[in-house]
Structure formats: structure tokens, C-alpha cells
Amino acid sequence: VRITPYAYRPSDAVTQRLTTLIRSSFGDATRVQIDAPVDYGAEDDWLNGASLRPETDHHLLLFNLSSTPETENHGAFAKGIAERLSKAKQGTAIAAILDESTYRQRLGEQTDSARRLSTRREACEHMLAPLGLTVLSADLEQEGDAELAARLESALSRDAAMQEVRR
């Protein structure tokens, strides 16, 4: 499983948690690679220099929900990876994780925080929908481990099924 954060520097706690959840879902021997974050606006440079390995079963794009989703950047990054994986015909499934934790913290106890969170989540999902990616939105710092592990496993299973359909 390869994880590539875009315009987001996840905390060590978040990356460790994702690694633990992935291994609990797919086995302790599962290799998890977490790339250095791709800076906002550097998606073309990253895509031109990135090596997408054939032994990767799943490639997860990690976005921060506190960043406004932009088709020209976030969308171009996701599309670029999806297209390269599709052309390589290596069978790597691709999915996106939207980390809500920072945005939830920023919104705090505002009366409209649930609506704003939902609106931002929907904007991200709408941006990624044309790519056919499975999207998992979660608070990676607060959500319960059992629930998050189950949702992650389900998202990756759905994504693998979608990848099979696209071949």
C-alpha cells in the first residue's frame, strides 16, 4: 500500500495510525510506503519524476479537508496518478482519503460546523467523482480504530473491485 499526501503534512501520529490500520486490515506483513508530501502546485513535477511500482496493490491519495479542493491542483494530481496507473496496466487500485481532523479543529464549536464540513466533503467528492475513485472521509485523529479500520478495508475492497471493472 502506497500513501501519497498532497498539499498536506500529516502528523507522525496520523501516518503511524494509517500504517497500523492498514496492517490490521491486510495483515502484519503488508508493506506500507508513505511518500514525502507533494507540495501544492508541485503536482506536475512529482508526476514527471515519480516511479509508480508494479508491486503496489493500492495507491492511496491523502488529502487534508481543510484545504479547499481545486480541480486544477488536487484534481490534476489525482487524475495524473490515475491515468499513469491505468496506462501502466499494473493492476494498482487507487483511492482517496480525506482527513477531516484539521478542518474539524479549525471549525471548532461553530454553529454551522457540520454544514461546512459536509459542504467541503461533498466538494472533494464531486471533484474526484469523474475519476471513479473510492473516497473515504474520516477524522484520522479522533475516529475510533475499529470503525475506521472497517471503513478503510471496505473502501479499499470497493476500490479493488472498481479497478477490476476498468481493466
Foldseek 3Di string as FASTA:
>chain_A
DEEEEEQDDDDPLLVVLVLVLVCVLVHVPDDYHYDDYQHFPNLVVCLVPDDDDLVAQEYEYEYELVDQDDCVTNVVNVVSVLVVCVVVVSLHFYAYEYADAVVCVVCDPDPCSVVVSVVSVVNVCVSCVVSVHQYHYDNSVDDDSVVVSVSVSVRSVVRSVVSVVSD
